[in-house]
Amino acid sequence: MVLQDAEVAYGRPNADRLTTMIADAEAFENVGLWHEFLGEDLVSKETMSFQVSFSSVYRATFVAIDRYQEVDVAGQVDWFTVEYVKLTEISGQQ
């Protein structure tokens, strides 16, 4: 998604927040460190995915795509072993 498409879909302030969130993610060595940084914006962690709030109405869903990730016996990803995620969905009011 390019910035202009995000601005049309979610409005400029939310598009700016989304692109800033993605830039922040790229700055961290692994997803576990990014999760720590996100604090309350990390709204949900599932077995292989998680959601991040980037406005009062929008959430971005990411899935682990790192083939070197470690998974515990319960099937939960150790996010500190994940370097790559994919943005799969943006949900909220449109």
N, C-alpha and C. Protein backbone atom coordinates (compact mmCIF):
# COMPACT_ATOMS: atom_id res chain seq x y z
N MET A 1 0.85 -1.16 0.00
CA MET A 1 0.00 0.00 0.00
C MET A 1 0.90 1.23 0.00
N VAL A 2 0.59 2.16 -0.85
CA VAL A 2 1.33 3.40 -0.87
C VAL A 2 0.62 4.42 0.01
N LEU A 3 1.35 5.43 0.40
CA LEU A 3 0.82 6.43 1.32
C LEU A 3 -0.46 7.06 0.78
N GLN A 4 -0.50 7.36 -0.51
CA GLN A 4 -1.69 8.00 -1.08
C GLN A 4 -2.93 7.10 -0.96
N ASP A 5 -2.76 5.81 -1.17
CA ASP A 5 -3.88 4.87 -1.02
C ASP A 5 -4.35 4.83 0.43
N ALA A 6 -3.42 4.85 1.36
CA ALA A 6 -3.78 4.83 2.78
C ALA A 6 -4.50 6.12 3.16
N GLU A 7 -4.06 7.24 2.61
CA GLU A 7 -4.73 8.52 2.91
C GLU A 7 -6.17 8.51 2.42
N VAL A 8 -6.40 7.95 1.24
CA VAL A 8 -7.76 7.87 0.70
C VAL A 8 -8.61 6.94 1.56
N ALA A 9 -8.05 5.81 1.94
CA ALA A 9 -8.81 4.79 2.68
C ALA A 9 -9.06 5.17 4.13
N TYR A 10 -8.07 5.77 4.80
CA TYR A 10 -8.15 5.94 6.25
C TYR A 10 -8.03 7.39 6.71
N GLY A 11 -7.80 8.32 5.79
CA GLY A 11 -7.59 9.72 6.15
C GLY A 11 -6.12 9.97 6.41
N ARG A 12 -5.70 11.19 6.21
CA ARG A 12 -4.27 11.50 6.33
C ARG A 12 -3.69 11.23 7.73
N PRO A 13 -4.34 11.67 8.82
CA PRO A 13 -3.74 11.40 10.14
C PRO A 13 -3.54 9.91 10.41
N ASN A 14 -4.53 9.09 10.05
CA ASN A 14 -4.41 7.65 10.29
C ASN A 14 -3.38 7.02 9.36
N ALA A 15 -3.29 7.50 8.13
CA ALA A 15 -2.27 7.00 7.20
C ALA A 15 -0.88 7.33 7.72
N ASP A 16 -0.71 8.53 8.26
CA ASP A 16 0.57 8.90 8.85
C ASP A 16 0.92 8.00 10.03
N ARG A 17 -0.08 7.71 10.88
CA ARG A 17 0.15 6.82 12.02
C ARG A 17 0.53 5.42 11.57
N LEU A 18 -0.15 4.93 10.53
CA LEU A 18 0.14 3.60 10.01
C LEU A 18 1.56 3.52 9.46
N THR A 19 1.96 4.50 8.67
CA THR A 19 3.31 4.46 8.10
C THR A 19 4.38 4.65 9.18
N THR A 20 4.09 5.45 10.19
CA THR A 20 5.02 5.61 11.31
C THR A 20 5.16 4.31 12.07
N MET A 21 4.03 3.61 12.29
CA MET A 21 4.06 2.34 13.00
C MET A 21 4.92 1.32 12.25
N ILE A 22 4.78 1.28 10.93
CA ILE A 22 5.56 0.34 10.13
C ILE A 22 7.04 0.71 10.17
N ALA A 23 7.35 2.00 10.11
CA ALA A 23 8.74 2.44 10.21
C ALA A 23 9.33 2.08 11.57
N ASP A 24 8.54 2.24 12.63
CA ASP A 24 9.00 1.83 13.97
C ASP A 24 9.32 0.34 13.99
N ALA A 25 8.46 -0.46 13.40
CA ALA A 25 8.67 -1.92 13.38
C ALA A 25 9.99 -2.27 12.71
N GLU A 26 10.28 -1.58 11.62
CA GLU A 26 11.52 -1.86 10.89
C GLU A 26 12.77 -1.51 11.69
N ALA A 27 12.62 -0.63 12.66
CA ALA A 27 13.77 -0.19 13.46
C ALA A 27 14.20 -1.21 14.51
N PHE A 28 13.34 -2.16 14.82
CA PHE A 28 13.65 -3.13 15.87
C PHE A 28 14.28 -4.39 15.30
N GLU A 29 15.13 -5.00 16.09
CA GLU A 29 15.85 -6.21 15.70
C GLU A 29 14.93 -7.41 15.56
N ASN A 30 13.86 -7.44 16.37
CA ASN A 30 12.90 -8.54 16.29
C ASN A 30 11.53 -8.05 16.74
N VAL A 31 10.52 -8.84 16.50
CA VAL A 31 9.15 -8.45 16.78
C VAL A 31 8.88 -8.36 18.28
N GLY A 32 9.53 -9.19 19.08
CA GLY A 32 9.35 -9.12 20.53
C GLY A 32 9.73 -7.76 21.08
N LEU A 33 10.82 -7.19 20.60
CA LEU A 33 11.23 -5.85 21.04
C LEU A 33 10.22 -4.80 20.59
N TRP A 34 9.69 -4.96 19.38
CA TRP A 34 8.66 -4.03 18.91
C TRP A 34 7.42 -4.13 19.78
N HIS A 35 7.04 -5.35 20.17
CA HIS A 35 5.89 -5.53 21.06
C HIS A 35 6.09 -4.77 22.36
N GLU A 36 7.27 -4.86 22.94
CA GLU A 36 7.55 -4.13 24.18
C GLU A 36 7.39 -2.63 23.98
N PHE A 37 7.87 -2.12 22.86
CA PHE A 37 7.76 -0.70 22.54
C PHE A 37 6.30 -0.27 22.36
N LEU A 38 5.48 -1.13 21.76
CA LEU A 38 4.10 -0.78 21.46
C LEU A 38 3.25 -0.55 22.70
N GLY A 39 3.55 -1.24 23.78
CA GLY A 39 2.78 -1.07 25.01
C GLY A 39 1.31 -1.35 24.80
N GLU A 40 0.46 -0.37 25.15
CA GLU A 40 -0.99 -0.54 25.07
C GLU A 40 -1.52 -0.59 23.63
N ASP A 41 -0.72 -0.18 22.66
CA ASP A 41 -1.17 -0.25 21.27
C ASP A 41 -1.20 -1.69 20.75
N LEU A 42 -0.48 -2.59 21.41
CA LEU A 42 -0.55 -4.02 21.08
C LEU A 42 -1.82 -4.54 21.74
N VAL A 43 -2.85 -4.76 20.94
CA VAL A 43 -4.16 -5.05 21.52
C VAL A 43 -4.49 -6.53 21.56
N SER A 44 -3.78 -7.35 20.81
CA SER A 44 -4.13 -8.77 20.78
C SER A 44 -2.95 -9.56 20.23
N LYS A 45 -2.65 -10.68 20.91
CA LYS A 45 -1.64 -11.61 20.40
C LYS A 45 -2.28 -12.98 20.30
N GLU A 46 -2.29 -13.53 19.11
CA GLU A 46 -2.80 -14.87 18.87
C GLU A 46 -1.61 -15.81 18.71
N THR A 47 -1.87 -17.03 18.31
CA THR A 47 -0.82 -18.02 18.16
C THR A 47 0.24 -17.59 17.16
N MET A 48 -0.17 -17.14 15.98
CA MET A 48 0.77 -16.78 14.93
C MET A 48 0.57 -15.35 14.42
N SER A 49 -0.28 -14.57 15.08
CA SER A 49 -0.56 -13.22 14.60
C SER A 49 -0.79 -12.28 15.78
N PHE A 50 -0.86 -11.00 15.48
CA PHE A 50 -1.16 -10.00 16.50
C PHE A 50 -1.78 -8.78 15.85
N GLN A 51 -2.46 -7.98 16.68
CA GLN A 51 -3.09 -6.76 16.20
C GLN A 51 -2.50 -5.56 16.93
N VAL A 52 -2.36 -4.47 16.18
CA VAL A 52 -1.83 -3.22 16.72
C VAL A 52 -2.82 -2.12 16.39
N SER A 53 -3.19 -1.36 17.40
CA SER A 53 -4.07 -0.21 17.20
C SER A 53 -3.22 0.96 16.73
N PHE A 54 -3.65 1.61 15.62
CA PHE A 54 -2.91 2.78 15.18
C PHE A 54 -3.78 4.04 15.16
N SER A 55 -5.00 3.90 15.67
CA SER A 55 -5.88 5.05 15.89
C SER A 55 -6.98 4.58 16.83
N SER A 56 -7.92 5.46 17.10
CA SER A 56 -9.01 5.06 18.00
C SER A 56 -9.98 4.10 17.33
N VAL A 57 -9.91 3.97 16.00
CA VAL A 57 -10.86 3.10 15.31
C VAL A 57 -10.22 2.02 14.44
N TYR A 58 -8.93 2.09 14.18
CA TYR A 58 -8.29 1.15 13.25
C TYR A 58 -7.26 0.25 13.95
N ARG A 59 -7.25 -1.01 13.50
CA ARG A 59 -6.25 -1.99 13.95
C ARG A 59 -5.61 -2.65 12.75
N ALA A 60 -4.33 -2.87 12.85
CA ALA A 60 -3.59 -3.58 11.81
C ALA A 60 -3.26 -4.98 12.32
N THR A 61 -3.50 -5.99 11.50
CA THR A 61 -3.20 -7.37 11.86
C THR A 61 -1.95 -7.81 11.11
N PHE A 62 -1.00 -8.38 11.86
CA PHE A 62 0.25 -8.88 11.31
C PHE A 62 0.36 -10.36 11.59
N VAL A 63 0.97 -11.10 10.67
CA VAL A 63 1.25 -12.52 10.88
C VAL A 63 2.75 -12.76 10.77
N ALA A 64 3.22 -13.73 11.53
CA ALA A 64 4.63 -14.11 11.48
C ALA A 64 4.90 -14.86 10.18
N ILE A 65 5.92 -14.44 9.44
CA ILE A 65 6.29 -15.14 8.20
C ILE A 65 7.75 -15.57 8.22
N ASP A 66 8.40 -15.38 9.34
CA ASP A 66 9.81 -15.73 9.48
C ASP A 66 9.95 -17.24 9.56
N ARG A 67 10.67 -17.84 8.66
CA ARG A 67 10.78 -19.30 8.66
C ARG A 67 11.70 -19.82 9.76
N TYR A 68 12.40 -18.94 10.45
CA TYR A 68 13.29 -19.35 11.54
C TYR A 68 12.67 -19.11 12.92
N GLN A 69 11.41 -18.76 12.95
CA GLN A 69 10.75 -18.50 14.23
C GLN A 69 10.68 -19.76 15.09
N GLU A 70 10.71 -19.56 16.38
CA GLU A 70 10.56 -20.67 17.31
C GLU A 70 9.15 -20.67 17.85
N VAL A 71 8.60 -21.87 18.02
CA VAL A 71 7.25 -22.04 18.53
C VAL A 71 7.32 -22.97 19.73
N ASP A 72 6.62 -22.61 20.81
CA ASP A 72 6.65 -23.45 22.01
C ASP A 72 5.70 -24.64 21.86
N VAL A 73 5.64 -25.50 22.88
CA VAL A 73 4.84 -26.72 22.80
C VAL A 73 3.35 -26.43 22.64
N ALA A 74 2.91 -25.25 23.08
CA ALA A 74 1.51 -24.87 22.94
C ALA A 74 1.21 -24.27 21.57
N GLY A 75 2.25 -24.13 20.74
CA GLY A 75 2.06 -23.57 19.42
C GLY A 75 2.17 -22.06 19.35
N GLN A 76 2.55 -21.44 20.46
CA GLN A 76 2.68 -19.99 20.52
C GLN A 76 4.05 -19.56 20.01
N VAL A 77 4.06 -18.57 19.14
CA VAL A 77 5.32 -18.05 18.60
C VAL A 77 6.10 -17.32 19.69
N ASP A 78 7.40 -17.55 19.73
CA ASP A 78 8.29 -16.74 20.55
C ASP A 78 8.63 -15.52 19.70
N TRP A 79 7.96 -14.41 19.97
CA TRP A 79 8.08 -13.23 19.11
C TRP A 79 9.49 -12.65 19.09
N PHE A 80 10.32 -12.99 20.07
CA PHE A 80 11.71 -12.52 20.07
C PHE A 80 12.56 -13.26 19.03
N THR A 81 12.02 -14.33 18.45
CA THR A 81 12.74 -15.06 17.40
C THR A 81 12.24 -14.69 16.00
N VAL A 82 11.27 -13.79 15.92
CA VAL A 82 10.67 -13.41 14.64
C VAL A 82 11.25 -12.08 14.17
N GLU A 83 11.76 -12.07 12.95
CA GLU A 83 12.27 -10.83 12.35
C GLU A 83 11.33 -10.28 11.28
N TYR A 84 10.48 -11.14 10.71
CA TYR A 84 9.64 -10.73 9.59
C TYR A 84 8.17 -11.00 9.86
N VAL A 85 7.36 -9.99 9.62
CA VAL A 85 5.91 -10.12 9.71
C VAL A 85 5.30 -9.52 8.45
N LYS A 86 4.05 -9.89 8.22
CA LYS A 86 3.32 -9.38 7.05
C LYS A 86 2.03 -8.72 7.53
N LEU A 87 1.76 -7.52 7.04
CA LEU A 87 0.50 -6.85 7.32
C LEU A 87 -0.57 -7.52 6.47
N THR A 88 -1.57 -8.12 7.12
CA THR A 88 -2.57 -8.89 6.38
C THR A 88 -3.95 -8.24 6.37
N GLU A 89 -4.22 -7.36 7.33
CA GLU A 89 -5.56 -6.78 7.38
C GLU A 89 -5.54 -5.48 8.17
N ILE A 90 -6.39 -4.57 7.75
CA ILE A 90 -6.67 -3.37 8.54
C ILE A 90 -8.16 -3.38 8.79
N SER A 91 -8.53 -3.36 10.05
CA SER A 91 -9.95 -3.41 10.39
C SER A 91 -10.33 -2.16 11.16
N GLY A 92 -11.61 -1.86 11.14
CA GLY A 92 -12.13 -0.69 11.82
C GLY A 92 -13.15 -0.01 10.95
N GLN A 93 -13.55 1.17 11.36
CA GLN A 93 -14.54 1.94 10.60
C GLN A 93 -13.90 2.52 9.36
N GLN A 94 -14.63 2.48 8.26
CA GLN A 94 -14.15 3.09 7.02
C GLN A 94 -15.21 3.96 6.41
